[in-house]
Each structure stands twice: as C-alpha cells, then as structure tokens.
Amino acid sequence: MTLADTTVAIDYERSRSSRLQQIIQTHAAAVCGITVAEMLAGVRTAKDEARSLAALADFQRLQIPDALWGTAGRNQSLLLSRGVIVQTHMAAASFPSPRGQNEGYHRNRNGQG
C-alpha cells in the first residue's frame, strides 16, 4: 500500500488519466481521512462533491488511529528541525505497513512523483 498525497487525488480527479489510474492500482494507492477532508474542502457544488467522491473511491483507505496523531506531530517536528518538510498525514503514516514498507507518493508542481 502506498499513501497518496492530496495532490495525487486532485490530479486524478481532474484528469482521470489511464496512466495515473494504472499507478493507483499497481501501487495499491491509499488515502487517509485528511486527504478526504482536503478534497471535500475544495468543492463548491454538489456536482463537484460527487466528482471528488468518485475519484476517491478508486483509492484504498488507510485508517490512522487517533493514538498515532501525537506521534505524527512529534515526527513532523523532528523532521522540520532537520530541514525535511512533510505534510502531517505523511508523518502520521510513517510507520511500517503490514509488509514492512513505508511508502508515500506525491506529485510536485511539475507533475513529477
């Protein structure tokens, strides 16, 4: 499972390209609650909301337990003190997956992952 950044979900919602869909499926891309909230914060109409929810439905969901949010904040603070900038949900997901993998994926402004 790979935790996808909100930028990936936004790009996917906007383009629904077959290439991005293949990446989502191949890497078992997932979103967490923060990503869902960020996506829905950008909706203006019921049609926008339906389009966002349809795009999000193609991602797996990563449940981040409440107990990990304190750890996430401390992880983020430590990383920031060392010059590494990460989003909060990426810091929260910085623990091994069941397969022992820590993966995150985001797209920069140039569309590169």
N, C-alpha and C. Protein backbone atom coordinates (compact mmCIF):
# COMPACT_ATOMS: atom_id res chain seq x y z
N MET A 1 0.85 -1.18 0.00
CA MET A 1 0.00 0.00 0.00
C MET A 1 0.89 1.24 0.00
N THR A 2 0.50 2.22 -0.78
CA THR A 2 1.23 3.48 -0.86
C THR A 2 0.27 4.61 -0.51
N LEU A 3 0.65 5.41 0.48
CA LEU A 3 -0.17 6.55 0.87
C LEU A 3 0.01 7.66 -0.16
N ALA A 4 -1.08 8.04 -0.80
CA ALA A 4 -1.03 9.09 -1.82
C ALA A 4 -1.33 10.44 -1.20
N ASP A 5 -0.58 11.42 -1.58
CA ASP A 5 -0.78 12.80 -1.16
C ASP A 5 -2.04 13.35 -1.82
N THR A 6 -2.59 14.40 -1.24
CA THR A 6 -3.79 15.02 -1.80
C THR A 6 -3.58 15.48 -3.23
N THR A 7 -2.36 15.90 -3.57
CA THR A 7 -2.10 16.36 -4.93
C THR A 7 -2.36 15.25 -5.95
N VAL A 8 -2.09 14.01 -5.57
CA VAL A 8 -2.34 12.88 -6.47
C VAL A 8 -3.84 12.71 -6.68
N ALA A 9 -4.60 12.79 -5.59
CA ALA A 9 -6.06 12.66 -5.69
C ALA A 9 -6.66 13.79 -6.53
N ILE A 10 -6.14 14.99 -6.35
CA ILE A 10 -6.62 16.14 -7.14
C ILE A 10 -6.30 15.94 -8.62
N ASP A 11 -5.06 15.55 -8.92
CA ASP A 11 -4.68 15.30 -10.32
C ASP A 11 -5.56 14.21 -10.93
N TYR A 12 -5.79 13.16 -10.15
CA TYR A 12 -6.61 12.06 -10.65
C TYR A 12 -8.06 12.52 -10.88
N GLU A 13 -8.59 13.31 -9.96
CA GLU A 13 -9.95 13.82 -10.14
C GLU A 13 -10.06 14.67 -11.41
N ARG A 14 -9.07 15.48 -11.64
CA ARG A 14 -9.10 16.41 -12.78
C ARG A 14 -8.89 15.71 -14.12
N SER A 15 -8.00 14.72 -14.15
CA SER A 15 -7.65 14.14 -15.45
C SER A 15 -8.15 12.72 -15.65
N ARG A 16 -8.22 11.94 -14.60
CA ARG A 16 -8.61 10.53 -14.70
C ARG A 16 -7.84 9.83 -15.82
N SER A 17 -6.56 10.17 -15.93
CA SER A 17 -5.75 9.58 -16.99
C SER A 17 -5.55 8.09 -16.73
N SER A 18 -5.43 7.33 -17.80
CA SER A 18 -5.22 5.89 -17.65
C SER A 18 -3.87 5.61 -17.00
N ARG A 19 -2.88 6.46 -17.25
CA ARG A 19 -1.56 6.28 -16.63
C ARG A 19 -1.64 6.43 -15.12
N LEU A 20 -2.32 7.47 -14.66
CA LEU A 20 -2.45 7.68 -13.22
C LEU A 20 -3.32 6.59 -12.59
N GLN A 21 -4.36 6.17 -13.28
CA GLN A 21 -5.20 5.09 -12.77
C GLN A 21 -4.38 3.81 -12.63
N GLN A 22 -3.51 3.53 -13.58
CA GLN A 22 -2.66 2.35 -13.51
C GLN A 22 -1.70 2.43 -12.32
N ILE A 23 -1.14 3.61 -12.08
CA ILE A 23 -0.24 3.80 -10.93
C ILE A 23 -1.01 3.55 -9.63
N ILE A 24 -2.23 4.08 -9.53
CA ILE A 24 -3.05 3.91 -8.34
C ILE A 24 -3.32 2.43 -8.08
N GLN A 25 -3.65 1.70 -9.12
CA GLN A 25 -3.94 0.28 -8.97
C GLN A 25 -2.69 -0.55 -8.70
N THR A 26 -1.63 -0.29 -9.44
CA THR A 26 -0.40 -1.06 -9.31
C THR A 26 0.21 -0.93 -7.92
N HIS A 27 0.16 0.27 -7.37
CA HIS A 27 0.80 0.52 -6.08
C HIS A 27 -0.18 0.48 -4.91
N ALA A 28 -1.40 0.04 -5.18
CA ALA A 28 -2.43 -0.03 -4.14
C ALA A 28 -2.49 1.31 -3.40
N ALA A 29 -2.60 2.40 -4.16
CA ALA A 29 -2.60 3.74 -3.58
C ALA A 29 -3.77 3.91 -2.63
N ALA A 30 -3.48 4.56 -1.52
CA ALA A 30 -4.49 4.77 -0.49
C ALA A 30 -4.52 6.24 -0.10
N VAL A 31 -5.64 6.66 0.43
CA VAL A 31 -5.78 7.99 1.02
C VAL A 31 -6.23 7.83 2.46
N CYS A 32 -5.96 8.84 3.26
CA CYS A 32 -6.41 8.81 4.65
C CYS A 32 -7.46 9.90 4.84
N GLY A 33 -7.96 10.01 6.05
CA GLY A 33 -9.03 10.96 6.35
C GLY A 33 -8.68 12.40 6.04
N ILE A 34 -7.43 12.79 6.25
CA ILE A 34 -7.04 14.17 5.97
C ILE A 34 -7.17 14.46 4.47
N THR A 35 -6.78 13.51 3.65
CA THR A 35 -6.89 13.70 2.20
C THR A 35 -8.35 13.86 1.78
N VAL A 36 -9.22 13.03 2.35
CA VAL A 36 -10.65 13.14 2.05
C VAL A 36 -11.16 14.53 2.45
N ALA A 37 -10.78 14.98 3.64
CA ALA A 37 -11.21 16.30 4.12
C ALA A 37 -10.68 17.40 3.21
N GLU A 38 -9.41 17.32 2.81
CA GLU A 38 -8.85 18.34 1.92
C GLU A 38 -9.55 18.36 0.57
N MET A 39 -9.86 17.18 0.05
CA MET A 39 -10.57 17.12 -1.23
C MET A 39 -11.96 17.76 -1.11
N LEU A 40 -12.68 17.44 -0.06
CA LEU A 40 -14.04 17.96 0.09
C LEU A 40 -14.05 19.44 0.47
N ALA A 41 -12.95 19.93 1.03
CA ALA A 41 -12.87 21.35 1.35
C ALA A 41 -12.86 22.20 0.08
N GLY A 42 -12.48 21.61 -1.03
CA GLY A 42 -12.40 22.35 -2.28
C GLY A 42 -13.66 22.30 -3.13
N VAL A 43 -14.69 21.60 -2.67
CA VAL A 43 -15.90 21.50 -3.50
C VAL A 43 -16.74 22.77 -3.36
N ARG A 44 -17.40 23.12 -4.44
CA ARG A 44 -18.27 24.29 -4.44
C ARG A 44 -19.73 23.93 -4.73
N THR A 45 -19.93 22.80 -5.39
CA THR A 45 -21.28 22.39 -5.76
C THR A 45 -21.46 20.90 -5.46
N ALA A 46 -22.70 20.45 -5.53
CA ALA A 46 -22.97 19.02 -5.34
C ALA A 46 -22.29 18.20 -6.43
N LYS A 47 -22.21 18.75 -7.63
CA LYS A 47 -21.53 18.07 -8.74
C LYS A 47 -20.04 17.91 -8.44
N ASP A 48 -19.42 18.97 -7.90
CA ASP A 48 -18.00 18.91 -7.50
C ASP A 48 -17.79 17.81 -6.46
N GLU A 49 -18.69 17.76 -5.47
CA GLU A 49 -18.56 16.77 -4.41
C GLU A 49 -18.68 15.36 -4.97
N ALA A 50 -19.64 15.14 -5.85
CA ALA A 50 -19.82 13.82 -6.45
C ALA A 50 -18.58 13.41 -7.24
N ARG A 51 -17.99 14.35 -7.98
CA ARG A 51 -16.78 14.07 -8.75
C ARG A 51 -15.61 13.72 -7.82
N SER A 52 -15.47 14.46 -6.73
CA SER A 52 -14.40 14.18 -5.77
C SER A 52 -14.57 12.81 -5.13
N LEU A 53 -15.80 12.52 -4.70
CA LEU A 53 -16.06 11.22 -4.06
C LEU A 53 -15.85 10.07 -5.04
N ALA A 54 -16.20 10.27 -6.30
CA ALA A 54 -15.99 9.22 -7.30
C ALA A 54 -14.49 8.96 -7.50
N ALA A 55 -13.70 10.01 -7.53
CA ALA A 55 -12.25 9.84 -7.68
C ALA A 55 -11.67 9.16 -6.45
N LEU A 56 -12.10 9.57 -5.26
CA LEU A 56 -11.58 8.99 -4.03
C LEU A 56 -11.94 7.52 -3.89
N ALA A 57 -13.04 7.11 -4.50
CA ALA A 57 -13.48 5.72 -4.41
C ALA A 57 -12.50 4.76 -5.06
N ASP A 58 -11.65 5.25 -5.96
CA ASP A 58 -10.68 4.40 -6.61
C ASP A 58 -9.43 4.15 -5.77
N PHE A 59 -9.31 4.86 -4.67
CA PHE A 59 -8.18 4.68 -3.75
C PHE A 59 -8.60 3.78 -2.58
N GLN A 60 -7.64 3.04 -2.05
CA GLN A 60 -7.88 2.33 -0.81
C GLN A 60 -7.90 3.35 0.32
N ARG A 61 -8.40 2.97 1.47
CA ARG A 61 -8.42 3.88 2.62
C ARG A 61 -7.44 3.38 3.68
N LEU A 62 -6.63 4.29 4.17
CA LEU A 62 -5.71 3.99 5.26
C LEU A 62 -6.28 4.61 6.52
N GLN A 63 -6.61 3.78 7.48
CA GLN A 63 -7.14 4.27 8.75
C GLN A 63 -5.96 4.57 9.67
N ILE A 64 -5.88 5.80 10.12
CA ILE A 64 -4.81 6.20 11.02
C ILE A 64 -5.43 6.35 12.41
N PRO A 65 -5.08 5.46 13.34
CA PRO A 65 -5.67 5.51 14.68
C PRO A 65 -5.38 6.82 15.41
N ASP A 66 -6.33 7.26 16.22
CA ASP A 66 -6.18 8.51 16.97
C ASP A 66 -4.89 8.55 17.78
N ALA A 67 -4.50 7.42 18.32
CA ALA A 67 -3.30 7.36 19.17
C ALA A 67 -2.03 7.75 18.42
N LEU A 68 -2.04 7.67 17.10
CA LEU A 68 -0.84 7.98 16.33
C LEU A 68 -0.66 9.45 16.00
N TRP A 69 -1.71 10.26 16.20
CA TRP A 69 -1.60 11.67 15.81
C TRP A 69 -0.58 12.43 16.65
N GLY A 70 -0.46 12.12 17.94
CA GLY A 70 0.58 12.75 18.77
C GLY A 70 1.96 12.39 18.26
N THR A 71 2.14 11.13 17.93
CA THR A 71 3.41 10.68 17.36
C THR A 71 3.67 11.37 16.03
N ALA A 72 2.62 11.53 15.25
CA ALA A 72 2.77 12.20 13.96
C ALA A 72 3.27 13.63 14.15
N GLY A 73 2.71 14.34 15.10
CA GLY A 73 3.15 15.71 15.36
C GLY A 73 4.60 15.77 15.80
N ARG A 74 4.99 14.83 16.67
CA ARG A 74 6.38 14.79 17.11
C ARG A 74 7.31 14.42 15.95
N ASN A 75 6.89 13.46 15.13
CA ASN A 75 7.70 13.09 13.95
C ASN A 75 7.86 14.28 13.02
N GLN A 76 6.77 14.99 12.79
CA GLN A 76 6.82 16.14 11.89
C GLN A 76 7.73 17.22 12.45
N SER A 77 7.65 17.47 13.76
CA SER A 77 8.50 18.47 14.40
C SER A 77 9.98 18.09 14.26
N LEU A 78 10.28 16.83 14.49
CA LEU A 78 11.66 16.36 14.37
C LEU A 78 12.17 16.53 12.94
N LEU A 79 11.34 16.13 11.98
CA LEU A 79 11.74 16.26 10.58
C LEU A 79 11.95 17.73 10.20
N LEU A 80 11.03 18.59 10.63
CA LEU A 80 11.15 20.02 10.34
C LEU A 80 12.43 20.60 10.93
N SER A 81 12.79 20.14 12.14
CA SER A 81 14.01 20.65 12.78
C SER A 81 15.25 20.26 12.01
N ARG A 82 15.12 19.25 11.16
CA ARG A 82 16.25 18.79 10.33
C ARG A 82 16.12 19.24 8.88
N GLY A 83 15.15 20.14 8.63
CA GLY A 83 15.00 20.70 7.30
C GLY A 83 14.18 19.87 6.34
N VAL A 84 13.50 18.85 6.85
CA VAL A 84 12.68 17.99 5.99
C VAL A 84 11.22 18.40 6.15
N ILE A 85 10.60 18.80 5.07
CA ILE A 85 9.21 19.25 5.12
C ILE A 85 8.31 18.12 4.65
N VAL A 86 7.37 17.71 5.50
CA VAL A 86 6.39 16.69 5.16
C VAL A 86 5.02 17.17 5.63
N GLN A 87 3.99 16.69 4.97
CA GLN A 87 2.64 17.01 5.41
C GLN A 87 2.29 16.13 6.60
N THR A 88 1.35 16.60 7.41
CA THR A 88 1.00 15.91 8.65
C THR A 88 0.59 14.47 8.41
N HIS A 89 -0.25 14.23 7.40
CA HIS A 89 -0.70 12.85 7.21
C HIS A 89 0.44 11.94 6.75
N MET A 90 1.45 12.48 6.10
CA MET A 90 2.60 11.66 5.75
C MET A 90 3.40 11.31 7.01
N ALA A 91 3.52 12.26 7.92
CA ALA A 91 4.20 11.98 9.18
C ALA A 91 3.42 10.94 9.99
N ALA A 92 2.10 11.02 9.94
CA ALA A 92 1.26 10.06 10.68
C ALA A 92 1.41 8.67 10.10
N ALA A 93 1.66 8.57 8.83
CA ALA A 93 1.78 7.27 8.18
C ALA A 93 3.21 6.76 8.16
N SER A 94 4.09 7.39 8.89
CA SER A 94 5.50 6.99 8.90
C SER A 94 5.75 5.86 9.88
N PHE A 95 5.00 4.81 9.70
CA PHE A 95 5.20 3.60 10.48
C PHE A 95 5.10 2.44 9.50
N PRO A 96 5.72 1.31 9.80
CA PRO A 96 5.74 0.21 8.83
C PRO A 96 4.34 -0.31 8.51
N SER A 97 4.12 -0.57 7.25
CA SER A 97 2.89 -1.22 6.83
C SER A 97 2.98 -2.69 7.21
N PRO A 98 1.90 -3.44 7.06
CA PRO A 98 1.97 -4.88 7.39
C PRO A 98 3.06 -5.62 6.62
N ARG A 99 3.44 -5.11 5.46
CA ARG A 99 4.51 -5.75 4.68
C ARG A 99 5.87 -5.17 5.03
N GLY A 100 5.91 -4.28 6.02
CA GLY A 100 7.17 -3.68 6.43
C GLY A 100 7.63 -2.55 5.53
N GLN A 101 6.73 -1.97 4.76
CA GLN A 101 7.11 -0.91 3.84
C GLN A 101 6.57 0.43 4.33
N ASN A 102 7.36 1.46 4.18
CA ASN A 102 6.92 2.84 4.42
C ASN A 102 6.94 3.52 3.07
N GLU A 103 5.78 3.80 2.54
CA GLU A 103 5.74 4.41 1.23
C GLU A 103 4.80 5.60 1.24
N GLY A 104 5.16 6.62 0.53
CA GLY A 104 4.29 7.76 0.32
C GLY A 104 4.52 8.27 -1.08
N TYR A 105 3.52 8.84 -1.68
CA TYR A 105 3.67 9.32 -3.05
C TYR A 105 2.97 10.65 -3.16
N HIS A 106 3.65 11.60 -3.75
CA HIS A 106 3.02 12.89 -4.02
C HIS A 106 3.52 13.38 -5.36
N ARG A 107 2.82 14.34 -5.88
CA ARG A 107 3.23 14.93 -7.15
C ARG A 107 3.61 16.38 -6.88
N ASN A 108 4.72 16.79 -7.47
CA ASN A 108 5.12 18.19 -7.29
C ASN A 108 4.42 19.06 -8.32
N ARG A 109 4.71 20.34 -8.33
CA ARG A 109 4.05 21.27 -9.24
C ARG A 109 4.27 20.96 -10.70
N ASN A 110 5.32 20.23 -10.99
CA ASN A 110 5.63 19.86 -12.36
C ASN A 110 5.01 18.52 -12.76
N GLY A 111 4.21 17.94 -11.86
CA GLY A 111 3.55 16.67 -12.14
C GLY A 111 4.44 15.47 -12.02
N GLN A 112 5.57 15.65 -11.36
CA GLN A 112 6.50 14.53 -11.21
C GLN A 112 6.37 13.93 -9.83
N GLY A 113 6.43 12.60 -9.75
CA GLY A 113 6.29 11.90 -8.47
C GLY A 113 7.60 11.62 -7.83
